Structures are given as C-alpha cells and as structure tokens.
Amino acid sequence: MASGTLEVVLLNARCLKNRNFLVKMNPYVSIQYGNQVRWSSVAKGRKPVWNEKFTFNAEYPGGEHHKYKLIIQIMDRNKLSCFDHFIAQTTIYVKDLVSMGVETGKAHLRPTKYRVVLPNKSYAGEISVAVAFTLDV
C-alpha cells in the first residue's frame, strides 16, 4: 500500500445564490476526504476569494470508493444565530489522480471550475479548485 499527500487549493467561487436576502453572504468551505475534514476562512460576498491550501493523508489502494472523493460544501456563516446555512456542494472524484500519482510520484489537476449544486441538484454557482497528489518516499 502506498501513501502520500493530497493537496487541495481552494481558489474562489462565483455566482453563488444568496439564500439570505437581508444580509450579505459570509461564505466558507468545508472539504472532506474520507474521515478528514478541513475548513477555510470566512470570505465575503457572492464572489468569495480564498486562495487557501489544505492537505490530506491519502493511501492507495485504500479499498472503498468513498475514500477517493472530495466533498466540498459551501456554507454561509450566520452571525445572528449559532446555525450556519448550507449554500451548495460539489464532489470531486480523485481515484485516477491518486493512482497516477502512485505510479509517477506526483499528479495534479490544474485549477478547474466545478458546478456547485443544491440538494435537489439545481445549479447554485461555481467553485475553482486545484488538486495534487504527491507520493511519500
């Protein structure tokens, strides 16, 4: 079994649907890979910019399919209550990326725009993310 580091660069989002019409959005992102979760800082507005890097431990082969996907959820920080609001999410499958990285030592997906959707799968904006895998030596 090979292990390495999965690096996720969270760049920005655009065209996010504001679900609270009274105040401006304060979006942040949670990124889940298997049982590991990372959170971004809170940005502002419908076109937030983060430019943040997150790392996850990754193994290959790791068994179940769910270990090879990044679940990215965009949330809205609610300053008036203790409950944040879900904005949208996307899933990025990285099994092929990790597999290629195990073979070559490193593999990457250039910055790419991914559609983010509501629970009913309707369009709710876009998020730009880059992903890389580096094999531990």
Protein backbone atom coordinates (compact mmCIF):
# COMPACT_ATOMS: atom_id res chain seq x y z
CA MET A 1 0.00 0.00 0.00
CA ALA A 2 1.35 3.41 -0.99
CA SER A 3 0.67 6.61 0.92
CA GLY A 4 1.01 10.25 0.07
CA THR A 5 -0.37 13.74 0.45
CA LEU A 6 -3.43 15.05 -1.33
CA GLU A 7 -3.19 18.83 -1.65
CA VAL A 8 -6.29 20.90 -2.36
CA VAL A 9 -6.01 24.56 -3.34
CA LEU A 10 -9.28 26.40 -2.82
CA LEU A 11 -9.23 29.43 -5.11
CA ASN A 12 -12.60 31.18 -5.37
CA ALA A 13 -16.29 30.88 -6.10
CA ARG A 14 -18.72 32.88 -8.18
CA CYS A 15 -22.41 33.27 -8.93
CA LEU A 16 -23.36 31.86 -5.53
CA LYS A 17 -27.04 32.08 -4.72
CA ASN A 18 -27.64 34.21 -1.65
CA ARG A 19 -30.22 32.42 0.47
CA ASN A 20 -30.48 35.27 2.98
CA PHE A 21 -31.74 38.44 1.33
CA LEU A 22 -31.37 40.71 4.38
CA VAL A 23 -27.61 40.48 4.90
CA LYS A 24 -24.52 39.88 2.77
CA MET A 25 -23.10 36.39 2.47
CA ASN A 26 -20.15 35.27 4.59
CA PRO A 27 -19.21 32.04 2.82
CA TYR A 28 -16.69 29.47 3.96
CA VAL A 29 -15.92 25.96 2.73
CA SER A 30 -15.62 22.56 4.36
CA ILE A 31 -13.60 19.96 2.45
CA GLN A 32 -13.96 16.30 3.39
CA TYR A 33 -11.73 13.46 2.22
CA GLY A 34 -12.67 10.18 3.90
CA ASN A 35 -12.87 10.94 7.62
CA GLN A 36 -10.62 14.03 7.37
CA VAL A 37 -12.23 17.49 7.27
CA ARG A 38 -10.68 20.93 6.74
CA TRP A 39 -12.34 24.38 6.87
CA SER A 40 -11.49 27.57 5.03
CA SER A 41 -11.58 31.06 6.43
CA VAL A 42 -14.76 33.12 6.08
CA ALA A 43 -14.87 35.31 2.96
CA LYS A 44 -17.37 37.96 1.86
CA GLY A 45 -20.00 38.26 -0.84
CA ARG A 46 -21.24 36.20 -3.79
CA LYS A 47 -17.75 36.10 -5.39
CA PRO A 48 -15.52 35.00 -2.48
CA VAL A 49 -11.76 34.56 -2.88
CA TRP A 50 -9.86 32.23 -0.54
CA ASN A 51 -6.54 31.17 -2.15
CA GLU A 52 -6.01 28.63 0.64
CA LYS A 53 -4.17 25.30 0.62
CA PHE A 54 -5.25 22.17 2.52
CA THR A 55 -3.55 18.79 2.85
CA PHE A 56 -4.97 15.32 3.46
CA ASN A 57 -3.32 11.96 4.06
CA ALA A 58 -4.12 9.53 1.24
CA GLU A 59 -3.47 5.82 0.70
CA TYR A 60 -3.68 3.71 -2.43
CA PRO A 61 -5.21 1.23 -2.80
CA GLY A 62 -7.47 2.23 0.03
CA GLY A 63 -10.42 -0.06 -0.54
CA GLU A 64 -13.83 1.54 -0.59
CA HIS A 65 -14.75 4.05 -3.31
CA HIS A 66 -15.74 6.81 -0.87
CA LYS A 67 -12.10 7.29 0.13
CA TYR A 68 -11.34 8.73 -3.29
CA LYS A 69 -13.68 11.68 -3.34
CA LEU A 70 -13.51 15.22 -2.07
CA ILE A 71 -16.82 16.57 -0.81
CA ILE A 72 -16.76 20.36 -0.90
CA GLN A 73 -19.57 22.20 0.85
CA ILE A 74 -20.03 25.95 0.78
CA MET A 75 -21.63 27.32 3.91
CA ASP A 76 -22.78 30.81 4.94
CA ARG A 77 -21.63 31.97 8.39
CA ASN A 78 -24.67 33.33 10.21
CA LYS A 79 -23.62 35.95 12.74
CA LEU A 80 -27.13 36.33 14.15
CA SER A 81 -27.64 32.70 15.18
CA CYS A 82 -25.49 29.72 16.02
CA PHE A 83 -26.57 27.88 12.84
CA ASP A 84 -24.74 28.38 9.56
CA HIS A 85 -26.63 27.96 6.28
CA PHE A 86 -25.80 25.43 3.59
CA ILE A 87 -25.28 27.15 0.22
CA ALA A 88 -24.23 24.33 -2.13
CA GLN A 89 -21.80 21.46 -2.67
CA THR A 90 -19.79 19.56 -5.24
CA THR A 91 -17.92 16.25 -5.32
CA ILE A 92 -14.55 15.73 -6.98
CA TYR A 93 -13.52 12.12 -7.64
CA VAL A 94 -9.74 11.71 -7.27
CA LYS A 95 -9.14 7.96 -7.58
CA ASP A 96 -7.47 8.29 -11.00
CA LEU A 97 -5.35 11.21 -9.78
CA VAL A 98 -4.11 9.25 -6.75
CA SER A 99 -3.47 6.16 -8.88
CA MET A 100 -1.42 8.18 -11.38
CA GLY A 101 0.49 9.85 -8.55
CA VAL A 102 1.41 6.46 -7.09
CA GLU A 103 2.81 5.39 -10.49
CA THR A 104 4.68 8.61 -11.33
CA GLY A 105 5.39 10.14 -7.91
CA LYS A 106 3.20 13.19 -8.47
CA ALA A 107 -0.01 14.04 -10.33
CA HIS A 108 -2.17 17.15 -10.43
CA LEU A 109 -5.41 18.61 -11.71
CA ARG A 110 -4.99 22.21 -12.82
CA PRO A 111 -7.34 24.83 -11.39
CA THR A 112 -10.79 23.85 -12.59
CA LYS A 113 -14.28 25.30 -12.16
CA TYR A 114 -16.78 22.88 -10.66
CA ARG A 115 -20.53 23.40 -10.55
CA VAL A 116 -21.95 23.57 -7.05
CA VAL A 117 -25.49 22.36 -6.57
CA LEU A 118 -28.32 22.43 -4.06
CA PRO A 119 -29.68 19.18 -2.52
CA ASN A 120 -32.19 18.97 -5.42
CA LYS A 121 -29.20 19.10 -7.86
CA SER A 122 -30.12 22.54 -9.22
CA TYR A 123 -27.29 24.92 -10.14
CA ALA A 124 -26.11 27.23 -7.35
CA GLY A 125 -22.81 28.64 -8.68
CA GLU A 126 -19.22 27.59 -9.35
CA ILE A 127 -16.10 26.94 -7.28
CA SER A 128 -12.50 26.85 -8.54
CA VAL A 129 -10.21 24.20 -7.08
CA ALA A 130 -6.82 22.64 -7.93
CA VAL A 131 -5.82 19.20 -6.63
CA ALA A 132 -2.45 17.41 -6.49
CA PHE A 133 -1.17 14.11 -5.09
CA THR A 134 2.43 13.56 -4.05
CA LEU A 135 3.71 10.10 -3.15
CA ASP A 136 5.56 9.78 0.15
CA VAL A 137 9.08 8.44 -0.37
